[in-house]
Amino acid sequence: MNVGYLVNRVESRIQTISPEKIALKLESNETWTYGDLNRISNQYAHSLQQMGIVKGDRVGILLYNCLEYFALYFATAKLGAIAVRINFRLSSEEFKYILNDSGTKILCLHSSLQDKIELIKSSIKVREYVCLENENITSANWTNSWDVLEKGSPSEVIGIDIDKSDPVMLMYTSGTTGRPKGRFGHMKIRYGLQICKYSNGELMNNLSQCQRDLFIMLERWKIFRYPF
């Protein structure tokens, strides 16, 4: 199964069937439609490509709950890259270990967390930083502003061969009994069909079973209150 192909097939169906339906809604009532999510994740993916990210590379995500989090996660999946999802509650030293151990090339972070990273910046191997401003804190001069990701093409990413056994995510344990340990999540599809209640069955009736199973990742994420 080529998951990259299935992602593109599913998203093309979203565009023609129900791109205006709500895909994500935060507690702040901010929303994105499926059309928004598809377009923005494509923009991020193309921009990451232009920054040198290729299949298998690690992209760090150090963000609080936000709509951009999901688009960035999808963008890395489209490229066959691996999202290193980092718990924002950790200390600078824990960040240092995870970033070096994972081989993160680009770190995307909220501006309110950049002070923790600046403390360890000289001792980590991250190549570039992309900062999303929050809490009225401006981006540091050693980061790229978030609009560097938003300048990418909204067209679908093509030409990347992705298999269901490819890793898509790397998360670390809390390390209470030693160093944090990384664990990969793969492109395997294993979620139920709860999405039906959000699409009124319209989209599901027009997708194959494989496409339905893949598409359900959105529903799984949407009901998460926190990333961890």
Foldseek 3Di string as FASTA:
>chain_A
DFVLVLVVVLLVLCVVFPQPFWLAAAPVRDTHGSVRLLQLLQLLLQLVVVVPDAAAAEEEEAEWDDPVSSSVLVSCVNRNYAYEYEDNVDALVLVQVSQAVRVHAEYEHEQVSVVRPVVCVVPGDHNAYEYEYDPPHDHDPRHHYNCSSVPGGSDRDDDHGHDQARFSYWYWDPQPPHRTDIDTDTNDFDDDQPCCVRSVCRSVVVDDPVSSSNVCVSVVVNPDNTPD
